[in-house]
């Protein structure tokens, strides 16, 4: 229980700073393009599409954090700095 409480507190703190990208036709179209050019899962294509929308497609100098190899590779090819 203590671990869950701590995790929820961390999540609440992070939620104050994050930006949510809402679904839209533009986001869906971008996700579909990403699926056509990268070997991604559908959920990963939406995550990368949201990142591209967030940075207004100016990914140079922007970072994306992921431990998923396919998402990391696609993000790198789309111009993001990938960490870790």
N, C-alpha and C. Protein backbone atom coordinates (compact mmCIF):
# COMPACT_ATOMS: atom_id res chain seq x y z
N UNK A 1 0.81 -1.20 0.00
CA UNK A 1 0.00 0.00 0.00
C UNK A 1 0.85 1.26 0.00
N UNK A 2 1.94 1.26 0.75
CA UNK A 2 2.79 2.45 0.81
C UNK A 2 3.40 2.76 -0.55
N UNK A 3 3.80 1.72 -1.28
CA UNK A 3 4.37 1.91 -2.60
C UNK A 3 3.35 2.48 -3.57
N UNK A 4 2.12 2.01 -3.47
CA UNK A 4 1.07 2.53 -4.34
C UNK A 4 0.79 4.00 -4.02
N UNK A 5 0.74 4.34 -2.75
CA UNK A 5 0.50 5.73 -2.35
C UNK A 5 1.61 6.63 -2.87
N UNK A 6 2.83 6.19 -2.75
CA UNK A 6 3.96 6.97 -3.22
C UNK A 6 3.90 7.14 -4.74
N UNK A 7 3.56 6.08 -5.45
CA UNK A 7 3.45 6.15 -6.91
C UNK A 7 2.36 7.13 -7.33
N UNK A 8 1.23 7.10 -6.63
CA UNK A 8 0.13 8.04 -6.95
C UNK A 8 0.54 9.48 -6.68
N UNK A 9 1.30 9.71 -5.62
CA UNK A 9 1.76 11.07 -5.31
C UNK A 9 2.72 11.58 -6.39
N UNK A 10 3.61 10.71 -6.85
CA UNK A 10 4.53 11.09 -7.93
C UNK A 10 3.74 11.40 -9.20
N UNK A 11 2.76 10.56 -9.52
CA UNK A 11 1.94 10.76 -10.70
C UNK A 11 1.17 12.08 -10.63
N UNK A 12 0.62 12.39 -9.46
CA UNK A 12 -0.11 13.65 -9.30
C UNK A 12 0.83 14.85 -9.49
N UNK A 13 2.05 14.75 -9.00
CA UNK A 13 3.02 15.83 -9.18
C UNK A 13 3.37 16.00 -10.65
N UNK A 14 3.61 14.90 -11.33
CA UNK A 14 3.93 14.97 -12.76
C UNK A 14 2.76 15.50 -13.57
N UNK A 15 1.54 15.16 -13.19
CA UNK A 15 0.35 15.59 -13.93
C UNK A 15 0.21 17.10 -13.96
N UNK A 16 0.78 17.78 -12.99
CA UNK A 16 0.72 19.24 -12.96
C UNK A 16 1.57 19.86 -14.06
N UNK A 17 2.54 19.12 -14.58
CA UNK A 17 3.48 19.68 -15.55
C UNK A 17 3.29 19.13 -16.97
N UNK A 18 2.62 18.01 -17.15
CA UNK A 18 2.56 17.45 -18.48
C UNK A 18 1.51 18.13 -19.34
N UNK A 19 1.64 17.94 -20.62
CA UNK A 19 0.70 18.49 -21.59
C UNK A 19 0.02 17.31 -22.27
N UNK A 20 -1.29 17.31 -22.29
CA UNK A 20 -2.04 16.24 -22.95
C UNK A 20 -2.41 16.67 -24.36
N UNK A 21 -2.12 15.81 -25.31
CA UNK A 21 -2.49 16.06 -26.70
C UNK A 21 -3.77 15.28 -26.96
N UNK A 22 -4.82 15.99 -27.30
CA UNK A 22 -6.13 15.37 -27.50
C UNK A 22 -6.22 14.73 -28.88
N UNK A 23 -7.00 13.66 -28.99
CA UNK A 23 -7.20 13.01 -30.29
C UNK A 23 -7.85 13.97 -31.29
N UNK A 24 -7.44 13.86 -32.53
CA UNK A 24 -8.02 14.68 -33.59
C UNK A 24 -7.79 13.96 -34.91
N UNK A 25 -8.40 14.47 -35.95
CA UNK A 25 -8.20 13.89 -37.28
C UNK A 25 -6.75 14.05 -37.73
N UNK A 26 -6.15 15.19 -37.40
CA UNK A 26 -4.74 15.42 -37.76
C UNK A 26 -3.85 14.41 -37.05
N UNK A 27 -4.12 14.17 -35.78
CA UNK A 27 -3.33 13.20 -35.01
C UNK A 27 -3.48 11.81 -35.60
N UNK A 28 -4.71 11.44 -35.96
CA UNK A 28 -4.95 10.12 -36.54
C UNK A 28 -4.24 9.99 -37.88
N UNK A 29 -4.31 11.01 -38.71
CA UNK A 29 -3.65 10.97 -40.01
C UNK A 29 -2.13 10.85 -39.85
N UNK A 30 -1.58 11.56 -38.88
CA UNK A 30 -0.14 11.46 -38.62
C UNK A 30 0.22 10.06 -38.15
N UNK A 31 -0.59 9.50 -37.26
CA UNK A 31 -0.36 8.13 -36.77
C UNK A 31 -0.41 7.12 -37.92
N UNK A 32 -1.34 7.32 -38.84
CA UNK A 32 -1.43 6.42 -40.00
C UNK A 32 -0.20 6.54 -40.88
N UNK A 33 0.30 7.76 -41.08
CA UNK A 33 1.52 7.95 -41.87
C UNK A 33 2.68 7.24 -41.19
N UNK A 34 2.78 7.39 -39.88
CA UNK A 34 3.87 6.76 -39.14
C UNK A 34 3.82 5.24 -39.26
N UNK A 35 2.61 4.68 -39.23
CA UNK A 35 2.47 3.24 -39.41
C UNK A 35 2.92 2.79 -40.79
N UNK A 36 2.73 3.64 -41.78
CA UNK A 36 3.11 3.29 -43.15
C UNK A 36 4.62 3.33 -43.37
N UNK A 37 5.33 4.13 -42.58
CA UNK A 37 6.77 4.29 -42.84
C UNK A 37 7.67 3.69 -41.76
N UNK A 38 7.09 3.30 -40.63
CA UNK A 38 7.89 2.71 -39.54
C UNK A 38 7.21 1.43 -39.05
N UNK A 39 7.98 0.45 -38.60
CA UNK A 39 7.39 -0.80 -38.08
C UNK A 39 6.92 -0.62 -36.63
N UNK A 40 5.87 0.18 -36.45
CA UNK A 40 5.36 0.50 -35.11
C UNK A 40 4.06 -0.24 -34.82
N UNK A 41 3.76 -0.37 -33.53
CA UNK A 41 2.43 -0.79 -33.10
C UNK A 41 1.53 0.44 -33.19
N UNK A 42 0.23 0.22 -33.29
CA UNK A 42 -0.71 1.34 -33.43
C UNK A 42 -0.58 2.31 -32.26
N UNK A 43 -0.50 1.79 -31.04
CA UNK A 43 -0.41 2.67 -29.87
C UNK A 43 0.87 3.51 -29.90
N UNK A 44 1.97 2.91 -30.36
CA UNK A 44 3.22 3.66 -30.45
C UNK A 44 3.15 4.73 -31.53
N UNK A 45 2.44 4.44 -32.62
CA UNK A 45 2.32 5.46 -33.66
C UNK A 45 1.52 6.65 -33.15
N UNK A 46 0.51 6.41 -32.31
CA UNK A 46 -0.23 7.53 -31.72
C UNK A 46 0.63 8.31 -30.74
N UNK A 47 1.46 7.62 -29.98
CA UNK A 47 2.36 8.31 -29.05
C UNK A 47 3.33 9.20 -29.81
N UNK A 48 3.92 8.68 -30.87
CA UNK A 48 4.87 9.46 -31.65
C UNK A 48 4.15 10.60 -32.39
N UNK A 49 2.95 10.34 -32.89
CA UNK A 49 2.17 11.39 -33.54
C UNK A 49 1.86 12.52 -32.55
N UNK A 50 1.53 12.16 -31.32
CA UNK A 50 1.26 13.18 -30.30
C UNK A 50 2.51 14.00 -30.00
N UNK A 51 3.66 13.35 -29.97
CA UNK A 51 4.91 14.06 -29.74
C UNK A 51 5.19 15.02 -30.89
N UNK A 52 4.94 14.58 -32.11
CA UNK A 52 5.14 15.45 -33.26
C UNK A 52 4.18 16.63 -33.25
N UNK A 53 2.95 16.39 -32.83
CA UNK A 53 1.98 17.48 -32.74
C UNK A 53 2.39 18.46 -31.64
N UNK A 54 2.85 17.94 -30.53
CA UNK A 54 3.26 18.78 -29.40
C UNK A 54 4.37 19.75 -29.80
N UNK A 55 5.34 19.26 -30.58
CA UNK A 55 6.47 20.12 -30.97
C UNK A 55 6.22 20.79 -32.32
N UNK A 56 4.98 20.73 -32.81
CA UNK A 56 4.59 21.34 -34.08
C UNK A 56 5.49 20.87 -35.23
N UNK A 57 5.81 19.58 -35.18
CA UNK A 57 6.64 18.90 -36.20
C UNK A 57 8.07 19.45 -36.27
N UNK A 58 8.47 20.20 -35.27
CA UNK A 58 9.84 20.71 -35.18
C UNK A 58 10.58 19.85 -34.16
N UNK A 59 10.88 18.63 -34.53
CA UNK A 59 11.43 17.65 -33.58
C UNK A 59 12.92 17.82 -33.32
N UNK A 60 13.62 18.56 -34.17
CA UNK A 60 15.06 18.75 -33.95
C UNK A 60 15.28 19.45 -32.62
N UNK A 61 16.11 18.84 -31.78
CA UNK A 61 16.39 19.40 -30.46
C UNK A 61 15.40 18.99 -29.39
N UNK A 62 14.36 18.26 -29.77
CA UNK A 62 13.36 17.77 -28.81
C UNK A 62 13.71 16.34 -28.42
N UNK A 63 13.40 15.99 -27.19
CA UNK A 63 13.71 14.66 -26.69
C UNK A 63 12.46 13.82 -26.54
N UNK A 64 12.61 12.53 -26.78
CA UNK A 64 11.55 11.57 -26.54
C UNK A 64 12.14 10.45 -25.71
N UNK A 65 11.48 10.11 -24.63
CA UNK A 65 11.95 9.05 -23.73
C UNK A 65 11.15 7.80 -24.00
N UNK A 66 11.86 6.71 -24.29
CA UNK A 66 11.21 5.43 -24.50
C UNK A 66 12.23 4.30 -24.33
N UNK A 67 11.75 3.17 -23.85
CA UNK A 67 12.59 1.99 -23.76
C UNK A 67 12.22 0.98 -24.85
N UNK A 68 11.22 1.31 -25.68
CA UNK A 68 10.77 0.44 -26.75
C UNK A 68 11.65 0.67 -27.98
N UNK A 69 12.28 -0.37 -28.46
CA UNK A 69 13.24 -0.25 -29.56
C UNK A 69 12.60 0.30 -30.83
N UNK A 70 11.43 -0.21 -31.19
CA UNK A 70 10.78 0.26 -32.42
C UNK A 70 10.39 1.74 -32.32
N UNK A 71 9.84 2.12 -31.18
CA UNK A 71 9.45 3.52 -30.99
C UNK A 71 10.68 4.41 -30.96
N UNK A 72 11.72 3.97 -30.32
CA UNK A 72 12.97 4.75 -30.27
C UNK A 72 13.52 4.97 -31.68
N UNK A 73 13.57 3.90 -32.47
CA UNK A 73 14.10 4.01 -33.84
C UNK A 73 13.25 4.96 -34.69
N UNK A 74 11.94 4.83 -34.59
CA UNK A 74 11.05 5.70 -35.38
C UNK A 74 11.18 7.15 -34.93
N UNK A 75 11.25 7.38 -33.64
CA UNK A 75 11.39 8.75 -33.12
C UNK A 75 12.70 9.37 -33.59
N UNK A 76 13.76 8.58 -33.57
CA UNK A 76 15.05 9.07 -34.05
C UNK A 76 14.96 9.45 -35.52
N UNK A 77 14.33 8.59 -36.32
CA UNK A 77 14.19 8.87 -37.75
C UNK A 77 13.28 10.07 -38.02
N UNK A 78 12.40 10.36 -37.07
CA UNK A 78 11.53 11.54 -37.21
C UNK A 78 12.21 12.81 -36.66
N UNK A 79 13.46 12.67 -36.19
CA UNK A 79 14.22 13.84 -35.80
C UNK A 79 14.39 14.10 -34.32
N UNK A 80 13.79 13.26 -33.47
CA UNK A 80 13.91 13.45 -32.03
C UNK A 80 15.25 12.96 -31.52
N UNK A 81 15.71 13.57 -30.45
CA UNK A 81 16.80 13.02 -29.66
C UNK A 81 16.13 12.00 -28.74
N UNK A 82 16.62 10.78 -28.74
CA UNK A 82 15.98 9.71 -27.98
C UNK A 82 16.80 9.41 -26.74
N UNK A 83 16.12 9.34 -25.60
CA UNK A 83 16.77 9.00 -24.34
C UNK A 83 16.00 7.88 -23.67
N UNK A 84 16.56 7.10 -22.82
CA UNK A 84 17.95 7.14 -22.39
C UNK A 84 18.86 6.57 -23.45
